[in-house]
């Protein structure tokens, strides 16, 4: 139990980090997409 608790917490932290990074990338794409369209067209 003592060994499983830090692993579980680290997996939860990694999951939160992954979700935050994916949301950040999605937000970056939403912001950058109109700029890319302006450059292309």
PDB file of N, CA and C in Angstrom:
ATOM      1  N   UNK A   1       0.832  -1.206   0.000  1.00  0.00           N
ATOM      2  CA  UNK A   1       0.000   0.000   0.000  1.00  0.00           C
ATOM      3  C   UNK A   1       0.867   1.256   0.000  1.00  0.00           C
ATOM      4  N   UNK A   2       1.967   1.209   0.758  1.00  0.00           N
ATOM      5  CA  UNK A   2       2.821   2.397   0.839  1.00  0.00           C
ATOM      6  C   UNK A   2       3.498   2.659  -0.511  1.00  0.00           C
ATOM      7  N   UNK A   3       3.860   1.563  -1.217  1.00  0.00           N
ATOM      8  CA  UNK A   3       4.520   1.735  -2.504  1.00  0.00           C
ATOM      9  C   UNK A   3       3.524   2.130  -3.587  1.00  0.00           C
ATOM     10  N   UNK A   4       2.276   1.720  -3.439  1.00  0.00           N
ATOM     11  CA  UNK A   4       1.293   2.000  -4.483  1.00  0.00           C
ATOM     12  C   UNK A   4       0.801   3.444  -4.448  1.00  0.00           C
ATOM     13  N   UNK A   5       0.831   4.058  -3.273  1.00  0.00           N
ATOM     14  CA  UNK A   5       0.292   5.413  -3.163  1.00  0.00           C
ATOM     15  C   UNK A   5       1.088   6.430  -3.994  1.00  0.00           C
ATOM     16  N   UNK A   6       2.423   6.471  -3.907  1.00  0.00           N
ATOM     17  CA  UNK A   6       3.155   7.438  -4.733  1.00  0.00           C
ATOM     18  C   UNK A   6       2.984   7.166  -6.227  1.00  0.00           C
ATOM     19  N   UNK A   7       2.933   5.895  -6.611  1.00  0.00           N
ATOM     20  CA  UNK A   7       2.744   5.587  -8.029  1.00  0.00           C
ATOM     21  C   UNK A   7       1.388   6.096  -8.503  1.00  0.00           C
ATOM     22  N   UNK A   8       0.347   5.870  -7.699  1.00  0.00           N
ATOM     23  CA  UNK A   8      -0.979   6.346  -8.078  1.00  0.00           C
ATOM     24  C   UNK A   8      -1.004   7.862  -8.203  1.00  0.00           C
ATOM     25  N   UNK A   9      -0.355   8.543  -7.247  1.00  0.00           N
ATOM     26  CA  UNK A   9      -0.329  10.005  -7.289  1.00  0.00           C
ATOM     27  C   UNK A   9       0.436  10.482  -8.516  1.00  0.00           C
ATOM     28  N   UNK A  10       1.531   9.803  -8.860  1.00  0.00           N
ATOM     29  CA  UNK A  10       2.311  10.222 -10.019  1.00  0.00           C
ATOM     30  C   UNK A  10       1.526   9.970 -11.303  1.00  0.00           C
ATOM     31  N   UNK A  11       0.766   8.849 -11.339  1.00  0.00           N
ATOM     32  CA  UNK A  11      -0.048   8.599 -12.536  1.00  0.00           C
ATOM     33  C   UNK A  11      -1.138   9.652 -12.673  1.00  0.00           C
ATOM     34  N   UNK A  12      -1.742  10.046 -11.546  1.00  0.00           N
ATOM     35  CA  UNK A  12      -2.763  11.094 -11.596  1.00  0.00           C
ATOM     36  C   UNK A  12      -2.146  12.407 -12.061  1.00  0.00           C
ATOM     37  N   UNK A  13      -0.943  12.712 -11.557  1.00  0.00           N
ATOM     38  CA  UNK A  13      -0.273  13.955 -11.957  1.00  0.00           C
ATOM     39  C   UNK A  13       0.053  13.920 -13.448  1.00  0.00           C
ATOM     40  N   UNK A  14       0.523  12.766 -13.935  1.00  0.00           N
ATOM     41  CA  UNK A  14       0.825  12.646 -15.360  1.00  0.00           C
ATOM     42  C   UNK A  14      -0.446  12.798 -16.190  1.00  0.00           C
ATOM     43  N   UNK A  15      -1.548  12.236 -15.717  1.00  0.00           N
ATOM     44  CA  UNK A  15      -2.810  12.377 -16.433  1.00  0.00           C
ATOM     45  C   UNK A  15      -3.248  13.834 -16.509  1.00  0.00           C
ATOM     46  N   UNK A  16      -3.124  14.532 -15.382  1.00  0.00           N
ATOM     47  CA  UNK A  16      -3.506  15.954 -15.357  1.00  0.00           C
ATOM     48  C   UNK A  16      -2.602  16.758 -16.287  1.00  0.00           C
ATOM     49  N   UNK A  17      -1.296  16.457 -16.255  1.00  0.00           N
ATOM     50  CA  UNK A  17      -0.368  17.164 -17.129  1.00  0.00           C
ATOM     51  C   UNK A  17      -0.702  16.895 -18.592  1.00  0.00           C
ATOM     52  N   UNK A  18      -1.036  15.638 -18.913  1.00  0.00           N
ATOM     53  CA  UNK A  18      -1.376  15.306 -20.299  1.00  0.00           C
ATOM     54  C   UNK A  18      -2.620  16.043 -20.764  1.00  0.00           C
ATOM     55  N   UNK A  19      -3.630  16.100 -19.889  1.00  0.00           N
ATOM     56  CA  UNK A  19      -4.863  16.803 -20.262  1.00  0.00           C
ATOM     57  C   UNK A  19      -4.591  18.294 -20.435  1.00  0.00           C
ATOM     58  N   UNK A  20      -3.783  18.869 -19.533  1.00  0.00           N
ATOM     59  CA  UNK A  20      -3.475  20.295 -19.622  1.00  0.00           C
ATOM     60  C   UNK A  20      -2.696  20.601 -20.900  1.00  0.00           C
ATOM     61  N   UNK A  21      -1.740  19.726 -21.247  1.00  0.00           N
ATOM     62  CA  UNK A  21      -0.959  19.949 -22.465  1.00  0.00           C
ATOM     63  C   UNK A  21      -1.837  19.826 -23.706  1.00  0.00           C
ATOM     64  N   UNK A  22      -2.761  18.853 -23.708  1.00  0.00           N
ATOM     65  CA  UNK A  22      -3.632  18.685 -24.864  1.00  0.00           C
ATOM     66  C   UNK A  22      -4.555  19.895 -25.007  1.00  0.00           C
ATOM     67  N   UNK A  23      -5.070  20.401 -23.878  1.00  0.00           N
ATOM     68  CA  UNK A  23      -5.919  21.589 -23.941  1.00  0.00           C
ATOM     69  C   UNK A  23      -5.113  22.794 -24.408  1.00  0.00           C
ATOM     70  N   UNK A  24      -3.867  22.909 -23.952  1.00  0.00           N
ATOM     71  CA  UNK A  24      -3.019  24.021 -24.371  1.00  0.00           C
ATOM     72  C   UNK A  24      -2.747  23.956 -25.867  1.00  0.00           C
ATOM     73  N   UNK A  25      -2.464  22.733 -26.378  1.00  0.00           N
ATOM     74  CA  UNK A  25      -2.225  22.577 -27.810  1.00  0.00           C
ATOM     75  C   UNK A  25      -3.476  22.899 -28.605  1.00  0.00           C
ATOM     76  N   UNK A  26      -4.641  22.465 -28.111  1.00  0.00           N
ATOM     77  CA  UNK A  26      -5.896  22.745 -28.805  1.00  0.00           C
ATOM     78  C   UNK A  26      -6.161  24.242 -28.834  1.00  0.00           C
ATOM     79  N   UNK A  27      -5.934  24.922 -27.706  1.00  0.00           N
ATOM     80  CA  UNK A  27      -6.114  26.366 -27.645  1.00  0.00           C
ATOM     81  C   UNK A  27      -5.134  27.059 -28.593  1.00  0.00           C
ATOM     82  N   UNK A  28      -3.884  26.551 -28.656  1.00  0.00           N
ATOM     83  CA  UNK A  28      -2.882  27.142 -29.540  1.00  0.00           C
ATOM     84  C   UNK A  28      -3.295  26.979 -30.997  1.00  0.00           C
ATOM     85  N   UNK A  29      -3.852  25.806 -31.335  1.00  0.00           N
ATOM     86  CA  UNK A  29      -4.306  25.582 -32.708  1.00  0.00           C
ATOM     87  C   UNK A  29      -5.462  26.513 -33.049  1.00  0.00           C
ATOM     88  N   UNK A  30      -6.389  26.690 -32.094  1.00  0.00           N
ATOM     89  CA  UNK A  30      -7.535  27.565 -32.353  1.00  0.00           C
ATOM     90  C   UNK A  30      -7.063  28.999 -32.564  1.00  0.00           C
ATOM     91  N   UNK A  31      -6.036  29.412 -31.816  1.00  0.00           N
ATOM     92  CA  UNK A  31      -5.526  30.777 -31.961  1.00  0.00           C
ATOM     93  C   UNK A  31      -4.697  30.919 -33.228  1.00  0.00           C
ATOM     94  N   UNK A  32      -3.899  29.878 -33.560  1.00  0.00           N
ATOM     95  CA  UNK A  32      -2.962  29.997 -34.682  1.00  0.00           C
ATOM     96  C   UNK A  32      -3.633  29.740 -36.024  1.00  0.00           C
ATOM     97  N   UNK A  33      -4.751  29.019 -36.033  1.00  0.00           N
ATOM     98  CA  UNK A  33      -5.370  28.644 -37.303  1.00  0.00           C
ATOM     99  C   UNK A  33      -5.795  29.856 -38.142  1.00  0.00           C
ATOM    100  N   UNK A  34      -6.477  30.863 -37.572  1.00  0.00           N
ATOM    101  CA  UNK A  34      -6.825  32.033 -38.384  1.00  0.00           C
ATOM    102  C   UNK A  34      -5.592  32.764 -38.911  1.00  0.00           C
ATOM    103  N   UNK A  35      -4.517  32.810 -38.108  1.00  0.00           N
ATOM    104  CA  UNK A  35      -3.298  33.461 -38.571  1.00  0.00           C
ATOM    105  C   UNK A  35      -2.695  32.705 -39.747  1.00  0.00           C
ATOM    106  N   UNK A  36      -2.718  31.379 -39.682  1.00  0.00           N
ATOM    107  CA  UNK A  36      -2.216  30.583 -40.795  1.00  0.00           C
ATOM    108  C   UNK A  36      -3.079  30.788 -42.028  1.00  0.00           C
ATOM    109  N   UNK A  37      -4.380  30.898 -41.842  1.00  0.00           N
ATOM    110  CA  UNK A  37      -5.272  31.134 -42.978  1.00  0.00           C
ATOM    111  C   UNK A  37      -4.969  32.486 -43.614  1.00  0.00           C
ATOM    112  N   UNK A  38      -4.691  33.475 -42.776  1.00  0.00           N
ATOM    113  CA  UNK A  38      -4.364  34.798 -43.314  1.00  0.00           C
ATOM    114  C   UNK A  38      -3.054  34.755 -44.099  1.00  0.00           C
ATOM    115  N   UNK A  39      -2.093  33.943 -43.648  1.00  0.00           N
ATOM    116  CA  UNK A  39      -0.833  33.841 -44.367  1.00  0.00           C
ATOM    117  C   UNK A  39      -1.015  33.108 -45.687  1.00  0.00           C
ATOM    118  N   UNK A  40      -1.829  32.047 -45.672  1.00  0.00           N
ATOM    119  CA  UNK A  40      -1.987  31.242 -46.895  1.00  0.00           C
ATOM    120  C   UNK A  40      -2.812  32.001 -47.922  1.00  0.00           C
ATOM    121  N   UNK A  41      -3.939  32.571 -47.472  1.00  0.00           N
ATOM    122  CA  UNK A  41      -4.820  33.263 -48.416  1.00  0.00           C
ATOM    123  C   UNK A  41      -4.553  34.756 -48.377  1.00  0.00           C
TER     124      UNK A  41
END
